[in-house]
């Protein structure tokens, strides 16, 4: 299955709150109506932007059975495409798009109804590999060495997703090798249960230094709009 991840910025004349309202209240129903091949759809409204990082307002996740469903059959009709593009022009200032392969390492059913706000705390982490590593080596380390360490030493982690970036799909998109998704039940769990112990924290941080060149964490509120 193809997963497309869009890091989106609002127009400068639109506030973040107005942007979120336009996306959730108006754009989502249009996307559900006019993207017939979209199997799953998740909208993440960014609540906190890390210091000195791009000020994204939302991060969207769109799933398709294959690449052709995205590149050739995204819209139900020419009129549907016109409607979507006109609506996006009202609030979107720009977006960076990535094709990714999703690896779910720990799963929990969302406590929110379809379209509702997920009360879990979600961190979305764009990742760039170390300069002295190949993309393949980064992926191997992330999936096979770091994954078991994360599952062992992050006791509050209720859902853990590793998205391996296969290609950028927008001009000027920052180079990324992966996009991590970490879920915690509450802000208190994020604060108190990120690590199981000081020793566990040291193990995680030392391992991160061996394969990650740069990463950060966007705090977001998740709204699952469509499930397979």
C-alpha atoms as a PDB file:
ATOM      1  CA  UNK A   1       0.000   0.000   0.000  1.00  0.00           C
ATOM      2  CA  UNK A   2       1.222   3.504  -0.865  1.00  0.00           C
ATOM      3  CA  UNK A   3       1.198   6.111   1.894  1.00  0.00           C
ATOM      4  CA  UNK A   4       1.462   9.780   0.953  1.00  0.00           C
ATOM      5  CA  UNK A   5       2.455  12.219   3.693  1.00  0.00           C
ATOM      6  CA  UNK A   6       1.896  15.954   3.159  1.00  0.00           C
ATOM      7  CA  UNK A   7       3.510  18.563   5.415  1.00  0.00           C
ATOM      8  CA  UNK A   8       1.259  21.587   4.868  1.00  0.00           C
ATOM      9  CA  UNK A   9       1.626  25.329   5.496  1.00  0.00           C
ATOM     10  CA  UNK A  10      -1.248  27.788   5.549  1.00  0.00           C
ATOM     11  CA  UNK A  11      -1.558  30.909   3.446  1.00  0.00           C
ATOM     12  CA  UNK A  12      -0.038  33.951   5.202  1.00  0.00           C
ATOM     13  CA  UNK A  13      -3.421  35.703   5.276  1.00  0.00           C
ATOM     14  CA  UNK A  14      -5.086  32.755   7.068  1.00  0.00           C
ATOM     15  CA  UNK A  15      -4.679  32.185  10.807  1.00  0.00           C
ATOM     16  CA  UNK A  16      -3.791  28.743  12.127  1.00  0.00           C
ATOM     17  CA  UNK A  17      -7.209  28.372  13.774  1.00  0.00           C
ATOM     18  CA  UNK A  18      -9.024  29.413  10.607  1.00  0.00           C
ATOM     19  CA  UNK A  19      -6.845  27.030   8.592  1.00  0.00           C
ATOM     20  CA  UNK A  20      -7.753  24.118  10.870  1.00  0.00           C
ATOM     21  CA  UNK A  21     -11.445  24.962  10.587  1.00  0.00           C
ATOM     22  CA  UNK A  22     -11.258  25.139   6.787  1.00  0.00           C
ATOM     23  CA  UNK A  23      -9.445  21.806   6.567  1.00  0.00           C
ATOM     24  CA  UNK A  24     -11.637  19.851   8.986  1.00  0.00           C
ATOM     25  CA  UNK A  25     -14.952  21.567   8.341  1.00  0.00           C
ATOM     26  CA  UNK A  26     -14.902  22.023   4.583  1.00  0.00           C
ATOM     27  CA  UNK A  27     -11.988  20.324   2.840  1.00  0.00           C
ATOM     28  CA  UNK A  28     -12.300  16.881   4.424  1.00  0.00           C
ATOM     29  CA  UNK A  29     -15.842  16.221   3.083  1.00  0.00           C
ATOM     30  CA  UNK A  30     -14.720  17.296  -0.394  1.00  0.00           C
ATOM     31  CA  UNK A  31     -11.649  15.050  -0.255  1.00  0.00           C
ATOM     32  CA  UNK A  32     -13.753  12.086   0.845  1.00  0.00           C
ATOM     33  CA  UNK A  33     -16.190  12.749  -2.005  1.00  0.00           C
ATOM     34  CA  UNK A  34     -13.741  13.373  -4.842  1.00  0.00           C
ATOM     35  CA  UNK A  35     -10.781  11.039  -4.048  1.00  0.00           C
ATOM     36  CA  UNK A  36     -12.447   7.681  -4.796  1.00  0.00           C
ATOM     37  CA  UNK A  37      -9.276   5.563  -4.626  1.00  0.00           C
ATOM     38  CA  UNK A  38      -8.176   6.882  -1.230  1.00  0.00           C
ATOM     39  CA  UNK A  39      -8.345   3.948   1.193  1.00  0.00           C
ATOM     40  CA  UNK A  40      -7.469   5.738   4.449  1.00  0.00           C
ATOM     41  CA  UNK A  41      -7.279   9.426   5.352  1.00  0.00           C
ATOM     42  CA  UNK A  42      -5.776  11.020   8.448  1.00  0.00           C
ATOM     43  CA  UNK A  43      -5.518  14.741   9.204  1.00  0.00           C
ATOM     44  CA  UNK A  44      -3.097  15.876  11.916  1.00  0.00           C
ATOM     45  CA  UNK A  45      -3.481  19.470  13.081  1.00  0.00           C
ATOM     46  CA  UNK A  46      -0.136  20.708  14.381  1.00  0.00           C
ATOM     47  CA  UNK A  47      -0.374  22.086  17.915  1.00  0.00           C
ATOM     48  CA  UNK A  48       3.305  22.793  18.581  1.00  0.00           C
ATOM     49  CA  UNK A  49       6.158  23.478  16.157  1.00  0.00           C
ATOM     50  CA  UNK A  50       9.706  22.714  17.345  1.00  0.00           C
ATOM     51  CA  UNK A  51      12.062  25.696  17.591  1.00  0.00           C
ATOM     52  CA  UNK A  52      13.765  26.653  14.321  1.00  0.00           C
ATOM     53  CA  UNK A  53      11.803  24.068  12.300  1.00  0.00           C
ATOM     54  CA  UNK A  54       9.369  24.683   9.399  1.00  0.00           C
ATOM     55  CA  UNK A  55       6.060  26.004  10.738  1.00  0.00           C
ATOM     56  CA  UNK A  56       3.731  23.367   9.354  1.00  0.00           C
ATOM     57  CA  UNK A  57       0.041  23.753  10.218  1.00  0.00           C
ATOM     58  CA  UNK A  58      -1.113  20.231   9.409  1.00  0.00           C
ATOM     59  CA  UNK A  59       0.284  16.895   8.326  1.00  0.00           C
ATOM     60  CA  UNK A  60      -1.984  14.742   6.160  1.00  0.00           C
ATOM     61  CA  UNK A  61      -1.715  10.995   5.560  1.00  0.00           C
ATOM     62  CA  UNK A  62      -3.406   9.538   2.462  1.00  0.00           C
ATOM     63  CA  UNK A  63      -3.323   5.800   1.689  1.00  0.00           C
ATOM     64  CA  UNK A  64      -3.797   4.113  -1.683  1.00  0.00           C
ATOM     65  CA  UNK A  65      -3.666   0.512  -2.885  1.00  0.00           C
ATOM     66  CA  UNK A  66      -0.912   1.384  -5.356  1.00  0.00           C
ATOM     67  CA  UNK A  67       0.940   4.292  -6.946  1.00  0.00           C
ATOM     68  CA  UNK A  68      -1.338   4.377  -9.994  1.00  0.00           C
ATOM     69  CA  UNK A  69      -4.386   5.045  -7.826  1.00  0.00           C
ATOM     70  CA  UNK A  70      -2.636   8.200  -6.601  1.00  0.00           C
ATOM     71  CA  UNK A  71      -0.944   9.388  -9.775  1.00  0.00           C
ATOM     72  CA  UNK A  72      -3.665   8.470 -12.316  1.00  0.00           C
ATOM     73  CA  UNK A  73      -6.945   8.006 -10.444  1.00  0.00           C
ATOM     74  CA  UNK A  74      -6.817  10.528  -7.602  1.00  0.00           C
ATOM     75  CA  UNK A  75      -9.973  12.410  -8.669  1.00  0.00           C
ATOM     76  CA  UNK A  76     -13.423  11.125  -9.538  1.00  0.00           C
ATOM     77  CA  UNK A  77     -13.718  13.550 -12.479  1.00  0.00           C
ATOM     78  CA  UNK A  78     -12.305  16.709 -14.013  1.00  0.00           C
ATOM     79  CA  UNK A  79     -14.969  18.654 -12.127  1.00  0.00           C
ATOM     80  CA  UNK A  80     -13.964  16.963  -8.873  1.00  0.00           C
ATOM     81  CA  UNK A  81     -10.358  17.973  -9.465  1.00  0.00           C
ATOM     82  CA  UNK A  82     -11.418  21.563 -10.117  1.00  0.00           C
ATOM     83  CA  UNK A  83     -13.441  21.642  -6.889  1.00  0.00           C
ATOM     84  CA  UNK A  84     -10.553  20.266  -4.817  1.00  0.00           C
ATOM     85  CA  UNK A  85      -7.969  22.612  -6.302  1.00  0.00           C
ATOM     86  CA  UNK A  86     -10.213  25.649  -5.836  1.00  0.00           C
ATOM     87  CA  UNK A  87     -10.858  24.731  -2.214  1.00  0.00           C
ATOM     88  CA  UNK A  88      -7.190  24.107  -1.432  1.00  0.00           C
ATOM     89  CA  UNK A  89      -6.336  27.503  -2.870  1.00  0.00           C
ATOM     90  CA  UNK A  90      -8.420  29.169  -0.138  1.00  0.00           C
ATOM     91  CA  UNK A  91      -6.157  28.067   2.730  1.00  0.00           C
ATOM     92  CA  UNK A  92      -3.012  26.253   1.577  1.00  0.00           C
ATOM     93  CA  UNK A  93       0.204  28.209   1.152  1.00  0.00           C
ATOM     94  CA  UNK A  94       2.371  25.226   0.258  1.00  0.00           C
ATOM     95  CA  UNK A  95       3.077  21.589   0.991  1.00  0.00           C
ATOM     96  CA  UNK A  96       5.915  19.068   0.937  1.00  0.00           C
ATOM     97  CA  UNK A  97       4.821  15.596  -0.169  1.00  0.00           C
ATOM     98  CA  UNK A  98       6.516  12.248   0.396  1.00  0.00           C
ATOM     99  CA  UNK A  99       5.733   8.709  -0.697  1.00  0.00           C
ATOM    100  CA  UNK A 100       6.370   6.295   2.144  1.00  0.00           C
ATOM    101  CA  UNK A 101       6.051   2.686   3.214  1.00  0.00           C
ATOM    102  CA  UNK A 102       4.375   2.309   6.603  1.00  0.00           C
ATOM    103  CA  UNK A 103       5.645  -0.114   9.262  1.00  0.00           C
ATOM    104  CA  UNK A 104       3.407  -0.366  12.335  1.00  0.00           C
ATOM    105  CA  UNK A 105       5.438  -1.697  15.265  1.00  0.00           C
ATOM    106  CA  UNK A 106       2.878  -1.250  18.020  1.00  0.00           C
ATOM    107  CA  UNK A 107      -0.831  -0.818  17.433  1.00  0.00           C
ATOM    108  CA  UNK A 108      -3.790   0.314  19.494  1.00  0.00           C
ATOM    109  CA  UNK A 109      -7.287   1.045  18.270  1.00  0.00           C
ATOM    110  CA  UNK A 110      -8.104   4.744  18.207  1.00  0.00           C
ATOM    111  CA  UNK A 111     -10.431   5.718  21.062  1.00  0.00           C
ATOM    112  CA  UNK A 112     -12.031   8.380  18.845  1.00  0.00           C
ATOM    113  CA  UNK A 113     -14.970   7.860  16.477  1.00  0.00           C
ATOM    114  CA  UNK A 114     -14.339   8.304  12.771  1.00  0.00           C
ATOM    115  CA  UNK A 115     -13.818  12.005  12.128  1.00  0.00           C
ATOM    116  CA  UNK A 116     -13.475  12.768  15.830  1.00  0.00           C
ATOM    117  CA  UNK A 117     -10.493  14.042  17.770  1.00  0.00           C
ATOM    118  CA  UNK A 118      -8.126  11.339  18.975  1.00  0.00           C
ATOM    119  CA  UNK A 119      -7.407  12.135  22.659  1.00  0.00           C
ATOM    120  CA  UNK A 120      -4.022  10.434  22.434  1.00  0.00           C
ATOM    121  CA  UNK A 121      -0.968  12.682  22.238  1.00  0.00           C
ATOM    122  CA  UNK A 122       0.781  12.259  18.896  1.00  0.00           C
ATOM    123  CA  UNK A 123       4.329  13.172  17.924  1.00  0.00           C
ATOM    124  CA  UNK A 124       5.274  13.275  14.237  1.00  0.00           C
ATOM    125  CA  UNK A 125       9.029  13.182  13.674  1.00  0.00           C
ATOM    126  CA  UNK A 126      10.612  13.853  10.261  1.00  0.00           C
ATOM    127  CA  UNK A 127      14.012  12.148  10.208  1.00  0.00           C
ATOM    128  CA  UNK A 128      17.162  12.634   8.141  1.00  0.00           C
ATOM    129  CA  UNK A 129      19.928  10.036   8.281  1.00  0.00           C
ATOM    130  CA  UNK A 130      23.530  10.668   9.206  1.00  0.00           C
ATOM    131  CA  UNK A 131      25.606  11.912   6.299  1.00  0.00           C
ATOM    132  CA  UNK A 132      27.939   8.916   6.496  1.00  0.00           C
ATOM    133  CA  UNK A 133      25.094   6.397   6.047  1.00  0.00           C
ATOM    134  CA  UNK A 134      23.214   5.205   3.013  1.00  0.00           C
ATOM    135  CA  UNK A 135      19.426   5.287   3.007  1.00  0.00           C
ATOM    136  CA  UNK A 136      19.361   1.488   3.023  1.00  0.00           C
ATOM    137  CA  UNK A 137      21.641   1.320   6.056  1.00  0.00           C
ATOM    138  CA  UNK A 138      19.478   3.880   7.849  1.00  0.00           C
ATOM    139  CA  UNK A 139      16.324   1.870   7.174  1.00  0.00           C
ATOM    140  CA  UNK A 140      17.935  -1.372   8.323  1.00  0.00           C
ATOM    141  CA  UNK A 141      19.101   0.207  11.577  1.00  0.00           C
ATOM    142  CA  UNK A 142      15.787   1.945  12.254  1.00  0.00           C
ATOM    143  CA  UNK A 143      13.608  -1.096  11.661  1.00  0.00           C
ATOM    144  CA  UNK A 144      15.838  -3.836  13.027  1.00  0.00           C
ATOM    145  CA  UNK A 145      17.975  -2.296  15.756  1.00  0.00           C
ATOM    146  CA  UNK A 146      16.218   0.835  16.997  1.00  0.00           C
ATOM    147  CA  UNK A 147      12.669  -0.555  16.931  1.00  0.00           C
ATOM    148  CA  UNK A 148      13.148  -3.158  19.685  1.00  0.00           C
ATOM    149  CA  UNK A 149      14.989  -0.610  21.819  1.00  0.00           C
ATOM    150  CA  UNK A 150      12.149   1.897  21.433  1.00  0.00           C
ATOM    151  CA  UNK A 151       9.516  -0.687  22.308  1.00  0.00           C
ATOM    152  CA  UNK A 152      11.511  -1.726  25.360  1.00  0.00           C
ATOM    153  CA  UNK A 153      12.481   1.666  26.763  1.00  0.00           C
ATOM    154  CA  UNK A 154       9.451   3.872  25.919  1.00  0.00           C
ATOM    155  CA  UNK A 155       6.921   2.427  28.388  1.00  0.00           C
ATOM    156  CA  UNK A 156       4.208   4.994  27.639  1.00  0.00           C
ATOM    157  CA  UNK A 157       4.286   4.380  23.901  1.00  0.00           C
ATOM    158  CA  UNK A 158       0.886   2.960  22.874  1.00  0.00           C
ATOM    159  CA  UNK A 159       1.302   3.190  19.099  1.00  0.00           C
ATOM    160  CA  UNK A 160       4.527   3.335  17.113  1.00  0.00           C
ATOM    161  CA  UNK A 161       4.772   3.779  13.342  1.00  0.00           C
ATOM    162  CA  UNK A 162       7.901   3.984  11.201  1.00  0.00           C
ATOM    163  CA  UNK A 163       7.284   5.472   7.747  1.00  0.00           C
ATOM    164  CA  UNK A 164      10.203   4.780   5.440  1.00  0.00           C
ATOM    165  CA  UNK A 165      10.381   7.596   2.883  1.00  0.00           C
ATOM    166  CA  UNK A 166      10.692   6.202  -0.640  1.00  0.00           C
ATOM    167  CA  UNK A 167      10.641   9.470  -2.587  1.00  0.00           C
ATOM    168  CA  UNK A 168       9.830  13.168  -2.347  1.00  0.00           C
ATOM    169  CA  UNK A 169       6.869  14.197  -4.517  1.00  0.00           C
ATOM    170  CA  UNK A 170       7.181  17.984  -4.398  1.00  0.00           C
ATOM    171  CA  UNK A 171       9.800  20.395  -5.665  1.00  0.00           C
ATOM    172  CA  UNK A 172      12.065  21.751  -2.951  1.00  0.00           C
ATOM    173  CA  UNK A 173      10.966  19.248  -0.309  1.00  0.00           C
ATOM    174  CA  UNK A 174      13.585  18.836   2.443  1.00  0.00           C
ATOM    175  CA  UNK A 175      15.429  15.528   2.192  1.00  0.00           C
ATOM    176  CA  UNK A 176      13.898  12.959   4.537  1.00  0.00           C
ATOM    177  CA  UNK A 177      14.624   9.285   5.126  1.00  0.00           C
ATOM    178  CA  UNK A 178      11.819   8.542   7.539  1.00  0.00           C
ATOM    179  CA  UNK A 179       8.818   9.903   9.410  1.00  0.00           C
ATOM    180  CA  UNK A 180       8.131   8.524  12.874  1.00  0.00           C
ATOM    181  CA  UNK A 181       4.772   8.575  14.664  1.00  0.00           C
ATOM    182  CA  UNK A 182       4.679   8.112  18.436  1.00  0.00           C
ATOM    183  CA  UNK A 183       1.447   8.021  20.449  1.00  0.00           C
ATOM    184  CA  UNK A 184       0.975   8.457  24.204  1.00  0.00           C
ATOM    185  CA  UNK A 185      -2.278   8.307  26.151  1.00  0.00           C
ATOM    186  CA  UNK A 186      -1.893  11.771  27.718  1.00  0.00           C
ATOM    187  CA  UNK A 187       0.480  14.713  28.181  1.00  0.00           C
ATOM    188  CA  UNK A 188       1.356  13.225  31.567  1.00  0.00           C
ATOM    189  CA  UNK A 189       2.301   9.921  29.959  1.00  0.00           C
ATOM    190  CA  UNK A 190       4.453  11.755  27.398  1.00  0.00           C
ATOM    191  CA  UNK A 191       6.185  13.609  30.222  1.00  0.00           C
ATOM    192  CA  UNK A 192       6.591  10.769  32.707  1.00  0.00           C
ATOM    193  CA  UNK A 193       6.698   7.612  30.565  1.00  0.00           C
ATOM    194  CA  UNK A 194       8.886   8.550  27.634  1.00  0.00           C
ATOM    195  CA  UNK A 195      11.696   6.475  29.151  1.00  0.00           C
ATOM    196  CA  UNK A 196      11.636   3.561  31.561  1.00  0.00           C
ATOM    197  CA  UNK A 197      14.740   4.738  33.420  1.00  0.00           C
ATOM    198  CA  UNK A 198      17.787   7.008  33.090  1.00  0.00           C
ATOM    199  CA  UNK A 199      19.694   3.993  31.809  1.00  0.00           C
ATOM    200  CA  UNK A 200      16.998   3.352  29.203  1.00  0.00           C
ATOM    201  CA  UNK A 201      17.098   6.982  28.107  1.00  0.00           C
ATOM    202  CA  UNK A 202      20.869   6.746  27.695  1.00  0.00           C
ATOM    203  CA  UNK A 203      20.522   3.596  25.570  1.00  0.00           C
ATOM    204  CA  UNK A 204      17.982   5.291  23.284  1.00  0.00           C
ATOM    205  CA  UNK A 205      19.941   8.513  22.898  1.00  0.00           C
ATOM    206  CA  UNK A 206      23.204   6.689  22.203  1.00  0.00           C
ATOM    207  CA  UNK A 207      21.517   4.570  19.554  1.00  0.00           C
ATOM    208  CA  UNK A 208      19.855   7.593  17.935  1.00  0.00           C
ATOM    209  CA  UNK A 209      23.279   9.204  17.496  1.00  0.00           C
ATOM    210  CA  UNK A 210      24.464   6.227  15.448  1.00  0.00           C
ATOM    211  CA  UNK A 211      21.959   6.601  12.598  1.00  0.00           C
ATOM    212  CA  UNK A 212      20.004   9.893  12.811  1.00  0.00           C
ATOM    213  CA  UNK A 213      21.538  13.112  11.534  1.00  0.00           C
ATOM    214  CA  UNK A 214      18.575  15.338  12.382  1.00  0.00           C
ATOM    215  CA  UNK A 215      15.070  14.952  13.718  1.00  0.00           C
ATOM    216  CA  UNK A 216      12.443  16.894  15.641  1.00  0.00           C
ATOM    217  CA  UNK A 217       8.938  16.296  16.989  1.00  0.00           C
ATOM    218  CA  UNK A 218       5.741  18.067  15.916  1.00  0.00           C
ATOM    219  CA  UNK A 219       2.990  17.762  18.511  1.00  0.00           C
ATOM    220  CA  UNK A 220      -0.300  17.140  16.700  1.00  0.00           C
ATOM    221  CA  UNK A 221      -3.974  16.292  17.200  1.00  0.00           C
ATOM    222  CA  UNK A 222      -5.087  13.406  15.026  1.00  0.00           C
ATOM    223  CA  UNK A 223      -8.410  13.089  13.195  1.00  0.00           C
ATOM    224  CA  UNK A 224      -8.923   9.804  11.337  1.00  0.00           C
ATOM    225  CA  UNK A 225     -11.337  10.614   8.503  1.00  0.00           C
ATOM    226  CA  UNK A 226     -11.483   7.294   6.666  1.00  0.00           C
ATOM    227  CA  UNK A 227     -10.478   3.717   7.467  1.00  0.00           C
ATOM    228  CA  UNK A 228     -10.128   0.759   5.085  1.00  0.00           C
END
